[in-house]
Amino acid sequence: MAKKDWSDVVKEKVKKYSKDQIIFTKSRLIDWLCRRNNSTVEEMINEVINSKDLVFSEKQEAEYDREIEIRFRCYFVYSRNRGRCYILRFNHQIKVVTVFPLGRTTLKRYRRRFK
C-alpha cells in the first residue's frame, strides 16, 4: 500500500519561515551531522528552504516529553545514487530533528514509495 505524499503541505509550511527560523535539535552534534552528510549547516538550511529536490514526504506521529508531535520525514533526492532524509517538525520555527544521507541501495528500496 502506497503512503500519502505530504510534499505539497511541507512546501507550503516551509514558505512561511525564514532561514533564521530553522534550528537543529542536535546542536551539540552539529559538526558530526555536517561530516555525516558531507555538507555545511548553511547548505542544509538552504536545501530545506528551497525544497526543489523534495520528492516525497511522510507524516509521522512521535511521542516526545509525553506529548504526541507531528513530524514530517522528507526525502530529498539529487540523483539515482544520492539523497538525504530530513525529519522536520513545525511550530513557531522549523526544527530539524535529524538528517541522514541516502545511498543507492536505500534509494532503490524506497523508489516504490515515491511513486
N, C-alpha and C. Protein backbone atom coordinates (compact mmCIF):
# COMPACT_ATOMS: atom_id res chain seq x y z
N MET A 1 0.84 -1.18 0.00
CA MET A 1 0.00 0.00 0.00
C MET A 1 0.88 1.25 0.00
N ALA A 2 0.66 2.14 -0.93
CA ALA A 2 1.45 3.36 -1.02
C ALA A 2 1.00 4.36 0.05
N LYS A 3 1.97 5.03 0.62
CA LYS A 3 1.66 6.04 1.63
C LYS A 3 1.35 7.36 0.95
N LYS A 4 0.61 8.21 1.66
CA LYS A 4 0.24 9.52 1.12
C LYS A 4 1.46 10.43 1.09
N ASP A 5 1.59 11.17 0.02
CA ASP A 5 2.69 12.11 -0.13
C ASP A 5 2.26 13.48 0.43
N TRP A 6 3.00 13.96 1.41
CA TRP A 6 2.70 15.24 2.07
C TRP A 6 3.63 16.35 1.60
N SER A 7 4.29 16.18 0.47
CA SER A 7 5.27 17.16 -0.02
C SER A 7 4.68 18.55 -0.21
N ASP A 8 3.48 18.62 -0.77
CA ASP A 8 2.86 19.93 -1.00
C ASP A 8 2.60 20.66 0.31
N VAL A 9 2.18 19.92 1.33
CA VAL A 9 1.92 20.51 2.65
C VAL A 9 3.23 21.05 3.24
N VAL A 10 4.29 20.26 3.14
CA VAL A 10 5.60 20.66 3.69
C VAL A 10 6.11 21.90 2.96
N LYS A 11 6.00 21.92 1.63
CA LYS A 11 6.47 23.08 0.86
C LYS A 11 5.72 24.35 1.25
N GLU A 12 4.41 24.23 1.45
CA GLU A 12 3.61 25.40 1.86
C GLU A 12 4.01 25.88 3.26
N LYS A 13 4.25 24.94 4.16
CA LYS A 13 4.65 25.32 5.52
C LYS A 13 6.02 25.98 5.53
N VAL A 14 6.96 25.46 4.76
CA VAL A 14 8.32 25.99 4.72
C VAL A 14 8.32 27.43 4.21
N LYS A 15 7.43 27.77 3.28
CA LYS A 15 7.37 29.13 2.72
C LYS A 15 7.09 30.19 3.78
N LYS A 16 6.49 29.79 4.89
CA LYS A 16 6.12 30.74 5.94
C LYS A 16 7.28 31.09 6.87
N TYR A 17 8.42 30.42 6.70
CA TYR A 17 9.56 30.62 7.60
C TYR A 17 10.74 31.23 6.85
N SER A 18 11.62 31.88 7.62
CA SER A 18 12.84 32.42 7.05
C SER A 18 14.01 31.53 7.49
N LYS A 19 15.19 31.81 6.93
CA LYS A 19 16.37 30.99 7.23
C LYS A 19 16.73 31.00 8.71
N ASP A 20 16.54 32.14 9.38
CA ASP A 20 16.93 32.21 10.79
C ASP A 20 15.92 31.54 11.71
N GLN A 21 14.83 31.03 11.17
CA GLN A 21 13.85 30.31 11.97
C GLN A 21 14.03 28.80 11.88
N ILE A 22 15.14 28.35 11.32
CA ILE A 22 15.43 26.92 11.24
C ILE A 22 16.51 26.61 12.27
N ILE A 23 16.21 25.64 13.14
CA ILE A 23 17.20 25.23 14.13
C ILE A 23 17.38 23.72 14.06
N PHE A 24 18.54 23.28 14.47
CA PHE A 24 18.85 21.85 14.54
C PHE A 24 18.74 21.42 15.99
N THR A 25 17.96 20.38 16.26
CA THR A 25 17.78 19.94 17.64
C THR A 25 19.03 19.27 18.18
N LYS A 26 19.87 18.75 17.29
CA LYS A 26 21.12 18.13 17.73
C LYS A 26 22.25 19.15 17.63
N SER A 27 22.08 20.27 18.29
CA SER A 27 23.05 21.36 18.17
C SER A 27 24.42 20.99 18.73
N ARG A 28 24.46 20.11 19.73
CA ARG A 28 25.76 19.68 20.27
C ARG A 28 26.50 18.79 19.28
N LEU A 29 25.76 18.15 18.40
CA LEU A 29 26.36 17.23 17.44
C LEU A 29 26.38 17.79 16.03
N ILE A 30 26.32 19.10 15.90
CA ILE A 30 26.21 19.71 14.58
C ILE A 30 27.42 19.42 13.70
N ASP A 31 28.62 19.37 14.28
CA ASP A 31 29.81 19.04 13.49
C ASP A 31 29.73 17.63 12.94
N TRP A 32 29.29 16.71 13.79
CA TRP A 32 29.14 15.32 13.37
C TRP A 32 28.08 15.20 12.27
N LEU A 33 26.98 15.94 12.42
CA LEU A 33 25.91 15.93 11.43
C LEU A 33 26.42 16.44 10.08
N CYS A 34 27.24 17.47 10.11
CA CYS A 34 27.81 18.02 8.87
C CYS A 34 28.76 17.03 8.21
N ARG A 35 29.60 16.38 9.00
CA ARG A 35 30.52 15.38 8.45
C ARG A 35 29.76 14.20 7.86
N ARG A 36 28.74 13.73 8.58
CA ARG A 36 27.97 12.56 8.13
C ARG A 36 27.26 12.84 6.80
N ASN A 37 26.80 14.07 6.62
CA ASN A 37 26.07 14.42 5.40
C ASN A 37 26.95 15.09 4.36
N ASN A 38 28.21 15.26 4.67
CA ASN A 38 29.17 15.86 3.74
C ASN A 38 28.64 17.21 3.24
N SER A 39 28.23 18.03 4.18
CA SER A 39 27.59 19.31 3.85
C SER A 39 27.80 20.29 5.01
N THR A 40 27.51 21.55 4.76
CA THR A 40 27.58 22.55 5.83
C THR A 40 26.17 22.83 6.34
N VAL A 41 26.09 23.48 7.49
CA VAL A 41 24.80 23.84 8.07
C VAL A 41 24.05 24.77 7.12
N GLU A 42 24.76 25.71 6.54
CA GLU A 42 24.15 26.67 5.62
C GLU A 42 23.55 25.96 4.40
N GLU A 43 24.26 24.98 3.86
CA GLU A 43 23.75 24.23 2.71
C GLU A 43 22.49 23.45 3.07
N MET A 44 22.47 22.86 4.25
CA MET A 44 21.30 22.09 4.68
C MET A 44 20.10 23.02 4.90
N ILE A 45 20.33 24.19 5.48
CA ILE A 45 19.25 25.17 5.68
C ILE A 45 18.70 25.63 4.34
N ASN A 46 19.58 25.94 3.40
CA ASN A 46 19.14 26.37 2.06
C ASN A 46 18.34 25.27 1.37
N GLU A 47 18.75 24.04 1.57
CA GLU A 47 18.05 22.92 0.95
C GLU A 47 16.62 22.79 1.47
N VAL A 48 16.45 22.97 2.77
CA VAL A 48 15.11 22.90 3.37
C VAL A 48 14.26 24.06 2.87
N ILE A 49 14.82 25.27 2.83
CA ILE A 49 14.08 26.45 2.39
C ILE A 49 13.67 26.34 0.92
N ASN A 50 14.59 25.90 0.06
CA ASN A 50 14.30 25.82 -1.38
C ASN A 50 13.37 24.66 -1.73
N SER A 51 13.57 23.52 -1.12
CA SER A 51 12.75 22.32 -1.31
C SER A 51 12.62 21.89 -2.77
N LYS A 52 13.61 22.21 -3.61
CA LYS A 52 13.47 21.85 -5.03
C LYS A 52 13.74 20.37 -5.27
N ASP A 53 14.52 19.71 -4.43
CA ASP A 53 14.82 18.29 -4.61
C ASP A 53 13.91 17.39 -3.78
N LEU A 54 12.90 17.97 -3.14
CA LEU A 54 11.98 17.20 -2.31
C LEU A 54 11.09 16.35 -3.22
N VAL A 55 11.15 15.02 -3.04
CA VAL A 55 10.36 14.13 -3.89
C VAL A 55 9.24 13.44 -3.13
N PHE A 56 9.38 13.31 -1.81
CA PHE A 56 8.36 12.61 -1.04
C PHE A 56 8.44 13.04 0.42
N SER A 57 7.28 13.18 1.05
CA SER A 57 7.22 13.48 2.48
C SER A 57 6.20 12.56 3.12
N GLU A 58 6.53 12.12 4.30
CA GLU A 58 5.69 11.19 5.03
C GLU A 58 5.37 11.80 6.38
N LYS A 59 4.11 11.80 6.77
CA LYS A 59 3.70 12.36 8.06
C LYS A 59 3.88 11.29 9.13
N GLN A 60 4.46 11.70 10.27
CA GLN A 60 4.69 10.77 11.38
C GLN A 60 4.18 11.38 12.67
N GLU A 61 3.79 10.52 13.58
CA GLU A 61 3.46 10.96 14.93
C GLU A 61 4.47 10.33 15.86
N ALA A 62 5.11 11.16 16.68
CA ALA A 62 6.12 10.67 17.60
C ALA A 62 5.83 11.21 18.99
N GLU A 63 6.17 10.42 19.99
CA GLU A 63 5.97 10.88 21.36
C GLU A 63 7.25 11.53 21.84
N TYR A 64 7.10 12.75 22.34
CA TYR A 64 8.23 13.50 22.87
C TYR A 64 7.75 14.22 24.12
N ASP A 65 8.40 14.01 25.23
CA ASP A 65 8.00 14.58 26.52
C ASP A 65 6.54 14.28 26.84
N ARG A 66 6.14 13.06 26.60
CA ARG A 66 4.78 12.56 26.86
C ARG A 66 3.70 13.28 26.06
N GLU A 67 4.09 13.92 24.98
CA GLU A 67 3.13 14.56 24.09
C GLU A 67 3.35 14.00 22.68
N ILE A 68 2.27 13.91 21.93
CA ILE A 68 2.36 13.46 20.55
C ILE A 68 2.65 14.67 19.68
N GLU A 69 3.72 14.58 18.90
CA GLU A 69 4.05 15.67 17.99
C GLU A 69 4.01 15.17 16.55
N ILE A 70 3.68 16.05 15.65
CA ILE A 70 3.61 15.73 14.23
C ILE A 70 4.96 16.08 13.60
N ARG A 71 5.53 15.10 12.92
CA ARG A 71 6.79 15.29 12.22
C ARG A 71 6.61 14.89 10.77
N PHE A 72 7.48 15.42 9.94
CA PHE A 72 7.46 15.06 8.53
C PHE A 72 8.83 14.51 8.15
N ARG A 73 8.82 13.33 7.55
CA ARG A 73 10.04 12.69 7.07
C ARG A 73 10.14 13.05 5.59
N CYS A 74 11.11 13.89 5.26
CA CYS A 74 11.22 14.45 3.91
C CYS A 74 12.42 13.85 3.18
N TYR A 75 12.14 13.32 1.99
CA TYR A 75 13.18 12.71 1.18
C TYR A 75 13.58 13.65 0.06
N PHE A 76 14.85 14.05 0.05
CA PHE A 76 15.41 14.89 -0.99
C PHE A 76 16.32 13.99 -1.83
N VAL A 77 16.03 13.90 -3.12
CA VAL A 77 16.81 13.03 -4.00
C VAL A 77 17.48 13.89 -5.05
N TYR A 78 18.81 13.74 -5.19
CA TYR A 78 19.59 14.53 -6.13
C TYR A 78 19.89 13.77 -7.41
N SER A 79 20.08 12.48 -7.29
CA SER A 79 20.38 11.65 -8.46
C SER A 79 19.93 10.22 -8.13
N ARG A 80 20.24 9.29 -9.01
CA ARG A 80 19.87 7.89 -8.74
C ARG A 80 20.68 7.31 -7.57
N ASN A 81 21.81 7.95 -7.26
CA ASN A 81 22.72 7.40 -6.25
C ASN A 81 22.78 8.19 -4.95
N ARG A 82 22.26 9.41 -4.95
CA ARG A 82 22.42 10.26 -3.77
C ARG A 82 21.12 10.91 -3.36
N GLY A 83 20.97 11.01 -2.05
CA GLY A 83 19.81 11.68 -1.49
C GLY A 83 20.04 11.97 -0.03
N ARG A 84 19.06 12.60 0.58
CA ARG A 84 19.18 12.93 2.00
C ARG A 84 17.77 12.93 2.59
N CYS A 85 17.66 12.51 3.83
CA CYS A 85 16.38 12.47 4.52
C CYS A 85 16.43 13.42 5.71
N TYR A 86 15.44 14.31 5.78
CA TYR A 86 15.32 15.25 6.89
C TYR A 86 14.06 14.89 7.68
N ILE A 87 14.16 14.93 9.00
CA ILE A 87 12.98 14.81 9.85
C ILE A 87 12.71 16.22 10.36
N LEU A 88 11.56 16.78 9.97
CA LEU A 88 11.22 18.16 10.30
C LEU A 88 10.01 18.23 11.21
N ARG A 89 10.05 19.21 12.10
CA ARG A 89 8.91 19.49 12.98
C ARG A 89 8.61 20.98 12.87
N PHE A 90 7.35 21.32 12.71
CA PHE A 90 6.94 22.71 12.54
C PHE A 90 6.20 23.19 13.77
N ASN A 91 6.61 24.32 14.33
CA ASN A 91 5.84 25.07 15.32
C ASN A 91 6.19 26.54 15.06
N HIS A 92 6.63 27.30 16.05
CA HIS A 92 6.98 28.69 15.78
C HIS A 92 8.29 28.81 14.99
N GLN A 93 8.97 27.70 14.83
CA GLN A 93 10.16 27.62 13.99
C GLN A 93 10.24 26.21 13.41
N ILE A 94 11.11 26.03 12.42
CA ILE A 94 11.30 24.70 11.85
C ILE A 94 12.40 24.03 12.65
N LYS A 95 12.10 22.89 13.22
CA LYS A 95 13.11 22.12 13.94
C LYS A 95 13.53 20.95 13.08
N VAL A 96 14.82 20.88 12.79
CA VAL A 96 15.37 19.75 12.06
C VAL A 96 15.79 18.74 13.11
N VAL A 97 15.02 17.67 13.24
CA VAL A 97 15.28 16.68 14.28
C VAL A 97 16.55 15.92 13.94
N THR A 98 16.65 15.44 12.70
CA THR A 98 17.88 14.79 12.26
C THR A 98 17.95 14.81 10.74
N VAL A 99 19.14 14.56 10.24
CA VAL A 99 19.40 14.49 8.80
C VAL A 99 20.31 13.30 8.58
N PHE A 100 19.99 12.49 7.56
CA PHE A 100 20.91 11.39 7.25
C PHE A 100 20.95 11.17 5.75
N PRO A 101 22.12 10.74 5.25
CA PRO A 101 22.28 10.54 3.81
C PRO A 101 21.59 9.26 3.35
N LEU A 102 21.18 9.26 2.09
CA LEU A 102 20.59 8.08 1.48
C LEU A 102 21.49 7.67 0.32
N GLY A 103 21.85 6.41 0.30
CA GLY A 103 22.70 5.89 -0.76
C GLY A 103 21.90 5.19 -1.83
N ARG A 104 22.60 4.62 -2.78
CA ARG A 104 21.97 3.97 -3.92
C ARG A 104 21.04 2.83 -3.51
N THR A 105 21.50 1.98 -2.61
CA THR A 105 20.70 0.83 -2.19
C THR A 105 19.42 1.26 -1.50
N THR A 106 19.50 2.21 -0.61
CA THR A 106 18.32 2.70 0.11
C THR A 106 17.35 3.38 -0.85
N LEU A 107 17.87 4.19 -1.76
CA LEU A 107 17.01 4.86 -2.73
C LEU A 107 16.30 3.86 -3.63
N LYS A 108 17.00 2.81 -3.99
CA LYS A 108 16.41 1.77 -4.82
C LYS A 108 15.25 1.10 -4.08
N ARG A 109 15.42 0.88 -2.80
CA ARG A 109 14.39 0.26 -1.98
C ARG A 109 13.18 1.20 -1.81
N TYR A 110 13.44 2.51 -1.68
CA TYR A 110 12.38 3.48 -1.47
C TYR A 110 11.70 3.91 -2.77
N ARG A 111 12.25 3.60 -3.92
CA ARG A 111 11.74 4.07 -5.19
C ARG A 111 10.24 3.78 -5.35
N ARG A 112 9.79 2.60 -4.90
CA ARG A 112 8.39 2.25 -4.98
C ARG A 112 7.53 3.20 -4.15
N ARG A 113 8.03 3.62 -3.00
CA ARG A 113 7.29 4.50 -2.10
C ARG A 113 7.08 5.89 -2.72
N PHE A 114 8.04 6.33 -3.53
CA PHE A 114 7.99 7.67 -4.11
C PHE A 114 6.99 7.80 -5.26
N LYS A 115 6.48 6.70 -5.79
CA LYS A 115 5.60 6.77 -6.96
C LYS A 115 4.17 7.00 -6.60
